[in-house]
Amino acid sequence: MEINCETIKHLAKLSDFALSEKETEALTGDLKNIIGYISQLDELDTEGVEPTYQVFEMDNVWRDDEIIDQEASREDLLALTKEEKENQIKVPRVL
């Protein structure tokens, strides 16, 4: 994909960005430099190298779900709230 001013303008339109002509030209040069720098990786010989998906060896630790009786009734829990209405905790409006 060629990076030019038209590409930057198209990406800006898709991203709903307003860019001046000077900003468009600067981004064009910056992106060309970045892609040129990254393209140096194409020169590496990666024959026989397995892709790395995870840098650190990590395993998921699974445990069985357990239901633990908390020995608290609805009334006990509602008594801890500042305000309740119709057996529910009343909280401040968000919107």
C-alpha atoms as a PDB file:
ATOM      1  CA  MET A   1       0.000   0.000   0.000  1.00  0.00           C
ATOM      2  CA  GLU A   2       1.421   3.317  -1.027  1.00  0.00           C
ATOM      3  CA  ILE A   3       1.281   6.075   1.564  1.00  0.00           C
ATOM      4  CA  ASN A   4       0.471   9.422  -0.013  1.00  0.00           C
ATOM      5  CA  CYS A   5      -1.579  12.511   0.834  1.00  0.00           C
ATOM      6  CA  GLU A   6      -4.735  10.944  -0.607  1.00  0.00           C
ATOM      7  CA  THR A   7      -4.329   7.926   1.681  1.00  0.00           C
ATOM      8  CA  ILE A   8      -3.923  10.180   4.710  1.00  0.00           C
ATOM      9  CA  LYS A   9      -6.977  12.242   3.726  1.00  0.00           C
ATOM     10  CA  HIS A  10      -9.024   9.072   3.297  1.00  0.00           C
ATOM     11  CA  LEU A  11      -7.941   7.748   6.712  1.00  0.00           C
ATOM     12  CA  ALA A  12      -8.665  11.127   8.297  1.00  0.00           C
ATOM     13  CA  LYS A  13     -12.155  11.119   6.797  1.00  0.00           C
ATOM     14  CA  LEU A  14     -12.808   7.581   8.073  1.00  0.00           C
ATOM     15  CA  SER A  15     -11.548   8.621  11.527  1.00  0.00           C
ATOM     16  CA  ASP A  16     -13.512  11.868  11.482  1.00  0.00           C
ATOM     17  CA  PHE A  17     -10.330  13.946  11.852  1.00  0.00           C
ATOM     18  CA  ALA A  18      -9.916  17.409  10.433  1.00  0.00           C
ATOM     19  CA  LEU A  19      -6.374  17.805   9.107  1.00  0.00           C
ATOM     20  CA  SER A  20      -4.789  20.812   7.478  1.00  0.00           C
ATOM     21  CA  GLU A  21      -2.713  20.387   4.341  1.00  0.00           C
ATOM     22  CA  LYS A  22       0.455  20.900   6.396  1.00  0.00           C
ATOM     23  CA  GLU A  23      -0.601  18.177   8.883  1.00  0.00           C
ATOM     24  CA  THR A  24      -1.454  15.824   6.013  1.00  0.00           C
ATOM     25  CA  GLU A  25       1.981  16.282   4.463  1.00  0.00           C
ATOM     26  CA  ALA A  26       3.709  15.819   7.816  1.00  0.00           C
ATOM     27  CA  LEU A  27       1.759  12.616   8.539  1.00  0.00           C
ATOM     28  CA  THR A  28       2.553  11.301   5.070  1.00  0.00           C
ATOM     29  CA  GLY A  29       6.273  11.715   5.698  1.00  0.00           C
ATOM     30  CA  ASP A  30       6.057  10.292   9.217  1.00  0.00           C
ATOM     31  CA  LEU A  31       4.147   7.200   8.122  1.00  0.00           C
ATOM     32  CA  LYS A  32       6.540   6.580   5.235  1.00  0.00           C
ATOM     33  CA  ASN A  33       9.444   6.714   7.697  1.00  0.00           C
ATOM     34  CA  ILE A  34       7.712   4.380  10.162  1.00  0.00           C
ATOM     35  CA  ILE A  35       6.800   1.841   7.488  1.00  0.00           C
ATOM     36  CA  GLY A  36      10.324   2.034   6.063  1.00  0.00           C
ATOM     37  CA  TYR A  37      11.785   1.353   9.486  1.00  0.00           C
ATOM     38  CA  ILE A  38       9.471  -1.581  10.136  1.00  0.00           C
ATOM     39  CA  SER A  39      10.085  -3.025   6.663  1.00  0.00           C
ATOM     40  CA  GLN A  40      13.661  -3.752   7.753  1.00  0.00           C
ATOM     41  CA  LEU A  41      12.167  -6.795   9.489  1.00  0.00           C
ATOM     42  CA  ASP A  42      11.424  -8.253   6.033  1.00  0.00           C
ATOM     43  CA  GLU A  43      15.175  -8.725   5.569  1.00  0.00           C
ATOM     44  CA  LEU A  44      15.434 -11.147   8.507  1.00  0.00           C
ATOM     45  CA  ASP A  45      15.718 -14.861   7.808  1.00  0.00           C
ATOM     46  CA  THR A  46      12.939 -16.419   9.874  1.00  0.00           C
ATOM     47  CA  GLU A  47      13.072 -19.859   8.260  1.00  0.00           C
ATOM     48  CA  GLY A  48      12.330 -22.476  10.901  1.00  0.00           C
ATOM     49  CA  VAL A  49      11.472 -19.925  13.603  1.00  0.00           C
ATOM     50  CA  GLU A  50       8.179 -20.677  15.331  1.00  0.00           C
ATOM     51  CA  PRO A  51       5.851 -17.708  15.879  1.00  0.00           C
ATOM     52  CA  THR A  52       5.773 -16.367  19.418  1.00  0.00           C
ATOM     53  CA  TYR A  53       2.301 -15.871  20.765  1.00  0.00           C
ATOM     54  CA  GLN A  54       3.192 -15.416  24.414  1.00  0.00           C
ATOM     55  CA  VAL A  55       6.525 -14.152  25.685  1.00  0.00           C
ATOM     56  CA  PHE A  56       6.141 -15.535  29.194  1.00  0.00           C
ATOM     57  CA  GLU A  57       5.176 -19.109  29.837  1.00  0.00           C
ATOM     58  CA  MET A  58       1.835 -18.843  31.561  1.00  0.00           C
ATOM     59  CA  ASP A  59      -0.870 -21.377  32.211  1.00  0.00           C
ATOM     60  CA  ASN A  60      -4.446 -20.732  33.146  1.00  0.00           C
ATOM     61  CA  VAL A  61      -5.184 -21.784  36.671  1.00  0.00           C
ATOM     62  CA  TRP A  62      -8.601 -23.340  36.863  1.00  0.00           C
ATOM     63  CA  ARG A  63     -10.533 -24.161  39.982  1.00  0.00           C
ATOM     64  CA  ASP A  64     -13.926 -25.635  40.590  1.00  0.00           C
ATOM     65  CA  ASP A  65     -16.705 -23.190  41.347  1.00  0.00           C
ATOM     66  CA  GLU A  66     -17.933 -23.516  44.875  1.00  0.00           C
ATOM     67  CA  ILE A  67     -21.070 -22.068  46.383  1.00  0.00           C
ATOM     68  CA  ILE A  68     -20.246 -20.860  49.872  1.00  0.00           C
ATOM     69  CA  ASP A  69     -23.121 -20.115  52.167  1.00  0.00           C
ATOM     70  CA  GLN A  70     -22.638 -16.562  53.454  1.00  0.00           C
ATOM     71  CA  GLU A  71     -25.216 -16.915  56.197  1.00  0.00           C
ATOM     72  CA  ALA A  72     -26.676 -13.502  55.459  1.00  0.00           C
ATOM     73  CA  SER A  73     -30.321 -12.911  54.748  1.00  0.00           C
ATOM     74  CA  ARG A  74     -31.706 -10.348  52.335  1.00  0.00           C
ATOM     75  CA  GLU A  75     -32.892  -8.293  55.293  1.00  0.00           C
ATOM     76  CA  ASP A  76     -29.425  -8.335  56.904  1.00  0.00           C
ATOM     77  CA  LEU A  77     -27.815  -7.100  53.695  1.00  0.00           C
ATOM     78  CA  LEU A  78     -30.438  -4.436  53.061  1.00  0.00           C
ATOM     79  CA  ALA A  79     -29.936  -3.182  56.612  1.00  0.00           C
ATOM     80  CA  LEU A  80     -26.322  -2.316  55.659  1.00  0.00           C
ATOM     81  CA  THR A  81     -27.365   0.081  52.882  1.00  0.00           C
ATOM     82  CA  LYS A  82     -28.003   3.797  53.243  1.00  0.00           C
ATOM     83  CA  GLU A  83     -31.346   3.570  51.502  1.00  0.00           C
ATOM     84  CA  GLU A  84     -33.559   0.784  50.206  1.00  0.00           C
ATOM     85  CA  LYS A  85     -36.815   0.721  48.320  1.00  0.00           C
ATOM     86  CA  GLU A  86     -39.043  -2.268  47.592  1.00  0.00           C
ATOM     87  CA  ASN A  87     -36.421  -4.777  48.837  1.00  0.00           C
ATOM     88  CA  GLN A  88     -33.721  -3.271  46.578  1.00  0.00           C
ATOM     89  CA  ILE A  89     -30.702  -1.076  47.246  1.00  0.00           C
ATOM     90  CA  LYS A  90     -31.409   2.483  46.130  1.00  0.00           C
ATOM     91  CA  VAL A  91     -28.458   4.213  44.489  1.00  0.00           C
ATOM     92  CA  PRO A  92     -28.001   7.757  43.124  1.00  0.00           C
ATOM     93  CA  ARG A  93     -29.058   8.444  39.552  1.00  0.00           C
ATOM     94  CA  VAL A  94     -26.278   8.190  37.001  1.00  0.00           C
ATOM     95  CA  LEU A  95     -27.868  10.235  34.245  1.00  0.00           C
END
